[in-house]
Amino acid sequence: MPEDNIPEPNTNETISGEELPDAGKTASSSTDEQNSSKNTSVQPADTTAAKERIYIQTPVIIASVILLAAILFFTCWSIFFNKSLKGSWTLNFTASDKDCAVTMSFENDGTCYLQSGGTIYKGSYTTNSADNGRSKLSASYTSFGQPFINSNFYYDLSGNSITGRRLHLTDLSGMVFRPDDLSDDESTSKKDAADHIEENGKRYYIYTLNYSDSYETKYTPLDGATDEKLIGIWFERSSDSNYDNTFAFNADGTYQITYRDIIYKGCYAAKDGTCVFNLVQADGSAINNSLDYSFDGDELVITINDVPARLVRTKNIYAFDNGIK
């Protein structure tokens, strides 16, 4: 047969009724499947790492939230709901036409202090409920180891750290003013009391004390010289070893004497063996006293009521048993 009649092969013809696969399409599909396979193999690793990060961060976030909530709760409680006696409370009142101030301080361990002018007394206190259901405060202070002041009060607290905290004391023992006997026709109300209650035939006065972070003695400076050799802290151990006493003479003319269970603060002037020092009163005025002193080697000899006391220098001022300054 002539060669011109031989038909050209048709690449698009089917074999056994099936279309031949497209080579380009097959290569493309193979590449997509490989890429898809690669992507599928990477994705689980990323997901696992993300989950691990979440697992690690979750406890930290929870702990932070709990800590923040605790801080906010404590802050709110301290500002608005603190009903603790702990701290210093100052009573301002008028006596004999003079403005006076007395501060009462309370510690959580039952120790309390009463400061009147430049004198601080140490004592103890308890709180309980009275028969009428009111809160009751009992405070006892000592002087030279002996009971000095025993007082009982009804008490309650008001205010907050923003508006000011206040301690309200109903004076049952007459710590400031004696209660009025209602059966006595001559009994009169004290003009200094803002309020009172009448109970068991007596009129008891209520006083409001304001919370204060600190109480500063109103010093009354003395004119006079300061003996340079006297400046410093001097220590005396008592003969019975029950009390340690210190005399602190400061360069600025102030002093602090811790004698047994009392602290005295004020100003002094010293020259030629005589030391004049003042004792500050509740109204800020001062009473001057004097004592004789001399030096025996490294010792300071102070004569109090004709009894010499020998002291040595020390670095620490002894003040009861808690380091009051």
Protein backbone atom coordinates (compact mmCIF):
# COMPACT_ATOMS: atom_id res chain seq x y z
CA MET A 1 0.00 0.00 0.00
CA PRO A 2 1.21 3.52 -0.56
CA GLU A 3 2.75 5.18 2.49
CA ASP A 4 0.51 8.25 2.14
CA ASN A 5 -2.51 6.19 3.29
CA ILE A 6 -0.97 5.27 6.69
CA PRO A 7 -2.88 7.24 9.39
CA GLU A 8 -0.96 9.33 11.96
CA PRO A 9 -1.24 8.08 15.52
CA ASN A 10 -3.73 10.10 17.64
CA THR A 11 -2.30 10.80 21.08
CA ASN A 12 -5.71 11.70 22.38
CA GLU A 13 -7.29 8.40 21.50
CA THR A 14 -8.42 6.09 24.29
CA ILE A 15 -7.13 2.63 24.92
CA SER A 16 -9.85 0.14 25.54
CA GLY A 17 -12.28 2.99 25.92
CA GLU A 18 -10.15 4.80 28.59
CA GLU A 19 -8.51 8.18 28.20
CA LEU A 20 -4.76 8.15 28.54
CA PRO A 21 -3.47 9.99 31.62
CA ASP A 22 -2.11 13.49 31.17
CA ALA A 23 1.59 13.51 32.01
CA GLY A 24 1.66 17.15 33.14
CA LYS A 25 -1.38 16.74 35.29
CA THR A 26 0.03 13.62 36.93
CA ALA A 27 3.30 15.38 37.88
CA SER A 28 1.44 18.33 39.32
CA SER A 29 -0.81 16.13 41.41
CA SER A 30 2.16 14.21 42.70
CA THR A 31 3.88 17.41 43.78
CA ASP A 32 0.75 18.70 45.56
CA GLU A 33 0.38 15.43 47.39
CA GLN A 34 4.00 15.60 48.56
CA ASN A 35 3.62 19.18 49.74
CA SER A 36 0.37 18.29 51.46
CA SER A 37 2.10 15.37 53.10
CA LYS A 38 4.90 17.63 54.30
CA ASN A 39 2.48 20.21 55.69
CA THR A 40 0.50 17.53 57.44
CA SER A 41 3.62 16.14 59.11
CA VAL A 42 4.70 19.63 60.47
CA GLN A 43 1.31 20.77 61.81
CA PRO A 44 0.98 18.27 64.71
CA ALA A 45 4.39 19.32 66.13
CA ASP A 46 3.37 23.00 66.19
CA THR A 47 0.06 22.18 67.82
CA THR A 48 1.74 20.08 70.51
CA ALA A 49 4.22 22.87 71.35
CA ALA A 50 1.40 25.41 71.60
CA LYS A 51 -0.54 23.11 73.92
CA GLU A 52 2.56 22.62 76.08
CA ARG A 53 2.97 26.37 76.37
CA ILE A 54 -0.65 26.71 77.44
CA TYR A 55 -0.25 23.93 80.02
CA ILE A 56 2.83 25.69 81.47
CA GLN A 57 1.32 29.20 81.48
CA THR A 58 -2.08 28.26 82.92
CA PRO A 59 -0.88 27.52 86.53
CA VAL A 60 1.22 30.71 86.50
CA ILE A 61 -1.78 32.77 85.39
CA ILE A 62 -4.04 31.16 88.01
CA ALA A 63 -1.46 31.73 90.79
CA SER A 64 -1.04 35.37 89.72
CA VAL A 65 -4.80 35.94 89.78
CA ILE A 66 -5.09 34.35 93.24
CA LEU A 67 -2.18 36.45 94.57
CA LEU A 68 -3.66 39.65 93.13
CA ALA A 69 -7.06 38.83 94.65
CA ALA A 70 -5.43 38.19 98.04
CA ILE A 71 -3.55 41.50 97.89
CA LEU A 72 -6.71 43.39 96.94
CA PHE A 73 -8.68 41.67 99.71
CA PHE A 74 -6.03 42.44 102.35
CA THR A 75 -5.75 46.05 101.15
CA CYS A 76 -9.51 46.57 101.27
CA TRP A 77 -9.72 44.92 104.69
CA SER A 78 -6.89 47.10 106.03
CA ILE A 79 -8.51 50.26 104.72
CA PHE A 80 -12.18 49.68 105.47
CA PHE A 81 -12.64 46.77 107.91
CA ASN A 82 -9.66 46.84 110.29
CA LYS A 83 -11.05 46.59 113.83
CA SER A 84 -7.76 45.89 115.57
CA LEU A 85 -6.64 47.90 118.61
CA LYS A 86 -3.00 47.61 117.52
CA GLY A 87 -1.34 50.98 117.08
CA SER A 88 -1.24 54.34 118.84
CA TRP A 89 -4.32 56.38 119.71
CA THR A 90 -4.19 59.99 120.91
CA LEU A 91 -6.76 61.67 123.14
CA ASN A 92 -6.85 65.47 123.06
CA PHE A 93 -8.68 67.07 125.98
CA THR A 94 -8.77 70.20 128.11
CA ALA A 95 -7.91 70.24 131.81
CA SER A 96 -7.56 73.38 133.93
CA ASP A 97 -8.03 75.42 130.77
CA LYS A 98 -4.97 73.79 129.18
CA ASP A 99 -4.91 71.69 126.01
CA CYS A 100 -3.56 68.26 126.87
CA ALA A 101 -2.79 65.06 124.99
CA VAL A 102 -2.42 61.45 126.13
CA THR A 103 -1.51 58.54 123.85
CA MET A 104 -2.36 54.88 124.39
CA SER A 105 -0.50 52.24 122.36
CA PHE A 106 -1.41 48.57 122.01
CA GLU A 107 0.59 45.60 120.73
CA ASN A 108 -0.81 42.26 119.56
CA ASP A 109 0.95 40.42 122.41
CA GLY A 110 -1.10 42.16 125.12
CA THR A 111 1.50 44.84 125.89
CA CYS A 112 0.37 48.45 126.09
CA TYR A 113 1.95 51.85 126.75
CA LEU A 114 0.58 55.09 128.13
CA GLN A 115 2.37 58.29 127.14
CA SER A 116 1.63 61.54 128.93
CA GLY A 117 3.92 64.31 127.80
CA GLY A 118 7.47 63.06 128.13
CA THR A 119 6.61 60.09 130.38
CA ILE A 120 5.85 56.61 129.05
CA TYR A 121 4.44 53.82 131.24
CA LYS A 122 4.44 50.17 130.31
CA GLY A 123 1.52 47.86 131.03
CA SER A 124 -0.68 45.05 129.78
CA TYR A 125 -4.24 44.85 128.52
CA THR A 126 -7.04 42.37 127.82
CA THR A 127 -10.27 42.55 125.85
CA ASN A 128 -13.50 40.65 126.44
CA SER A 129 -17.27 41.01 126.39
CA ALA A 130 -19.11 42.72 129.24
CA ASP A 131 -22.40 41.46 130.69
CA ASN A 132 -24.29 43.91 128.49
CA GLY A 133 -22.65 42.49 125.35
CA ARG A 134 -20.37 45.46 124.74
CA SER A 135 -16.65 45.09 124.09
CA LYS A 136 -14.60 45.78 127.21
CA LEU A 137 -10.96 46.85 127.50
CA SER A 138 -8.95 46.49 130.71
CA ALA A 139 -5.51 48.15 130.90
CA SER A 140 -3.02 48.10 133.77
CA TYR A 141 0.19 50.15 133.97
CA THR A 142 3.05 49.91 136.45
CA SER A 143 5.46 52.42 137.95
CA PHE A 144 8.74 51.21 139.48
CA GLY A 145 7.36 47.68 139.39
CA GLN A 146 4.17 48.55 141.28
CA PRO A 147 0.58 48.92 139.96
CA PHE A 148 0.09 52.51 138.92
CA ILE A 149 -3.07 52.81 136.80
CA ASN A 150 -5.84 50.24 136.42
CA SER A 151 -8.56 51.22 133.97
CA ASN A 152 -11.63 49.64 132.46
CA PHE A 153 -13.46 50.87 129.38
CA TYR A 154 -16.21 49.99 126.97
CA TYR A 155 -14.73 50.43 123.52
CA ASP A 156 -15.64 50.42 119.85
CA LEU A 157 -13.93 51.51 116.65
CA SER A 158 -15.15 53.60 113.74
CA GLY A 159 -13.86 55.16 110.54
CA ASN A 160 -11.26 53.79 108.17
CA SER A 161 -7.75 54.49 106.95
CA ILE A 162 -9.02 57.05 104.44
CA THR A 163 -11.38 59.08 106.63
CA GLY A 164 -9.38 58.42 109.81
CA ARG A 165 -9.75 55.63 112.38
CA ARG A 166 -11.17 56.46 115.82
CA LEU A 167 -11.26 54.60 119.11
CA HIS A 168 -14.23 55.39 121.36
CA LEU A 169 -13.62 54.71 125.06
CA THR A 170 -16.28 54.87 127.76
CA ASP A 171 -14.19 55.64 130.85
CA LEU A 172 -15.51 53.32 133.59
CA SER A 173 -12.62 53.90 136.02
CA GLY A 174 -12.03 57.62 135.77
CA MET A 175 -8.71 57.51 134.02
CA VAL A 176 -9.22 61.07 132.74
CA PHE A 177 -12.21 62.32 134.76
CA ARG A 178 -13.92 60.55 137.65
CA PRO A 179 -17.48 59.36 136.87
CA ASP A 180 -20.29 61.52 138.25
CA ASP A 181 -22.41 60.08 141.06
CA LEU A 182 -25.99 60.68 139.92
CA SER A 183 -27.24 60.60 143.52
CA ASP A 184 -25.08 63.62 144.34
CA ASP A 185 -26.93 66.85 143.63
CA GLU A 186 -23.65 68.73 143.28
CA SER A 187 -22.38 66.41 140.58
CA THR A 188 -21.90 68.25 137.29
CA SER A 189 -21.05 67.15 133.80
CA LYS A 190 -17.52 67.65 132.56
CA LYS A 191 -17.46 70.14 129.71
CA ASP A 192 -14.58 68.28 128.06
CA ALA A 193 -16.59 65.14 127.36
CA ALA A 194 -18.38 65.00 124.03
CA ASP A 195 -20.75 62.25 125.16
CA HIS A 196 -21.66 60.09 128.15
CA ILE A 197 -23.81 57.19 129.30
CA GLU A 198 -25.66 56.70 132.57
CA GLU A 199 -25.40 53.26 134.11
CA ASN A 200 -25.60 51.83 137.63
CA GLY A 201 -26.24 55.27 139.16
CA LYS A 202 -23.16 56.81 137.53
CA ARG A 203 -22.45 59.02 134.57
CA TYR A 204 -19.52 57.70 132.54
CA TYR A 205 -17.79 59.86 129.97
CA ILE A 206 -16.94 58.79 126.44
CA TYR A 207 -13.76 59.98 124.75
CA THR A 208 -12.67 59.70 121.14
CA LEU A 209 -9.04 58.90 120.39
CA ASN A 210 -7.61 59.41 116.92
CA TYR A 211 -5.30 56.87 115.34
CA SER A 212 -1.75 58.20 114.93
CA ASP A 213 1.31 56.54 113.40
CA SER A 214 3.58 58.13 115.99
CA TYR A 215 3.50 60.45 118.95
CA GLU A 216 6.18 63.08 119.32
CA THR A 217 7.00 64.66 122.67
CA LYS A 218 6.69 68.45 122.69
CA TYR A 219 10.21 69.37 123.78
CA THR A 220 10.88 72.50 125.78
CA PRO A 221 14.51 73.49 125.05
CA LEU A 222 16.70 74.68 127.92
CA ASP A 223 19.16 77.53 127.68
CA GLY A 224 22.59 76.48 128.82
CA ALA A 225 25.76 74.67 127.97
CA THR A 226 26.17 71.01 127.04
CA ASP A 227 29.02 69.04 128.61
CA GLU A 228 30.70 67.22 125.72
CA LYS A 229 31.89 64.42 128.04
CA LEU A 230 28.29 63.71 129.03
CA ILE A 231 27.01 63.17 125.49
CA GLY A 232 26.26 59.53 124.73
CA ILE A 233 24.37 56.55 126.16
CA TRP A 234 25.17 55.40 129.67
CA PHE A 235 24.17 52.05 131.12
CA GLU A 236 23.46 51.04 134.72
CA ARG A 237 22.65 47.53 135.85
CA SER A 238 20.41 47.56 138.89
CA SER A 239 21.62 45.91 142.07
CA ASP A 240 18.77 43.39 142.05
CA SER A 241 19.29 42.67 138.31
CA ASN A 242 15.56 43.03 137.71
CA TYR A 243 15.91 46.24 135.73
CA ASP A 244 18.55 47.76 133.50
CA ASN A 245 18.62 51.55 133.28
CA THR A 246 20.02 53.83 130.60
CA PHE A 247 20.63 57.56 130.40
CA ALA A 248 20.90 58.94 126.86
CA PHE A 249 22.20 62.50 126.56
CA ASN A 250 22.01 63.70 122.96
CA ALA A 251 24.10 66.42 121.32
CA ASP A 252 20.95 68.37 120.40
CA GLY A 253 20.11 68.93 124.08
CA THR A 254 17.45 66.24 124.38
CA TYR A 255 17.57 63.25 126.70
CA GLN A 256 15.87 59.91 127.23
CA ILE A 257 16.07 58.14 130.56
CA THR A 258 14.82 54.59 130.93
CA TYR A 259 14.46 53.95 134.63
CA ARG A 260 13.01 50.58 135.56
CA ASP A 261 9.63 50.44 133.78
CA ILE A 262 9.30 54.15 132.89
CA ILE A 263 10.76 56.25 130.09
CA TYR A 264 11.34 59.99 130.53
CA LYS A 265 11.95 62.35 127.61
CA GLY A 266 12.79 66.05 127.53
CA CYS A 267 15.63 68.56 127.26
CA TYR A 268 18.69 69.14 129.43
CA ALA A 269 21.62 71.47 130.02
CA ALA A 270 24.79 70.43 131.86
CA LYS A 271 27.79 72.32 133.22
CA ASP A 272 30.23 72.06 136.11
CA GLY A 273 28.79 68.84 137.52
CA THR A 274 25.14 69.90 137.54
CA CYS A 275 22.60 68.69 134.99
CA VAL A 276 19.28 70.50 134.71
CA PHE A 277 16.60 68.57 132.84
CA ASN A 278 12.93 69.17 132.30
CA LEU A 279 10.05 66.75 132.52
CA VAL A 280 7.42 67.45 129.86
CA GLN A 281 3.79 67.41 131.05
CA ALA A 282 0.64 66.37 129.17
CA ASP A 283 -0.05 69.99 128.22
CA GLY A 284 3.45 70.50 126.80
CA SER A 285 4.74 72.55 129.73
CA ALA A 286 7.80 71.37 131.62
CA ILE A 287 8.99 71.03 135.21
CA ASN A 288 12.72 71.49 135.74
CA ASN A 289 14.76 69.14 137.91
CA SER A 290 18.48 68.84 138.56
CA LEU A 291 20.99 66.18 139.50
CA ASP A 292 24.69 66.09 140.27
CA TYR A 293 27.12 64.12 138.17
CA SER A 294 30.84 63.44 138.01
CA PHE A 295 33.28 61.18 136.18
CA ASP A 296 35.36 58.43 137.75
CA GLY A 297 37.68 57.13 135.05
CA ASP A 298 35.41 55.68 132.34
CA GLU A 299 32.37 55.71 134.59
CA LEU A 300 29.66 58.35 134.94
CA VAL A 301 28.47 58.81 138.52
CA ILE A 302 24.96 60.31 138.85
CA THR A 303 23.53 61.12 142.25
CA ILE A 304 19.76 60.64 142.53
CA ASN A 305 18.12 61.30 145.89
CA ASP A 306 21.56 61.25 147.54
CA VAL A 307 22.21 57.76 146.12
CA PRO A 308 25.08 57.51 143.60
CA ALA A 309 24.59 55.40 140.48
CA ARG A 310 27.59 54.27 138.42
CA LEU A 311 27.14 53.99 134.68
CA VAL A 312 29.32 52.88 131.77
CA ARG A 313 29.07 53.78 128.11
CA THR A 314 27.01 51.58 125.81
CA LYS A 315 25.96 51.65 122.15
CA ASN A 316 22.38 50.57 122.66
CA ILE A 317 19.68 52.30 124.63
CA TYR A 318 17.72 49.97 126.87
CA ALA A 319 13.99 50.64 126.74
CA PHE A 320 11.86 48.05 128.47
CA ASP A 321 12.01 44.87 126.43
CA ASN A 322 10.97 45.95 122.93
CA GLY A 323 13.35 48.72 121.93
CA ILE A 324 11.06 51.75 122.13
CA LYS A 325 12.89 54.80 120.88
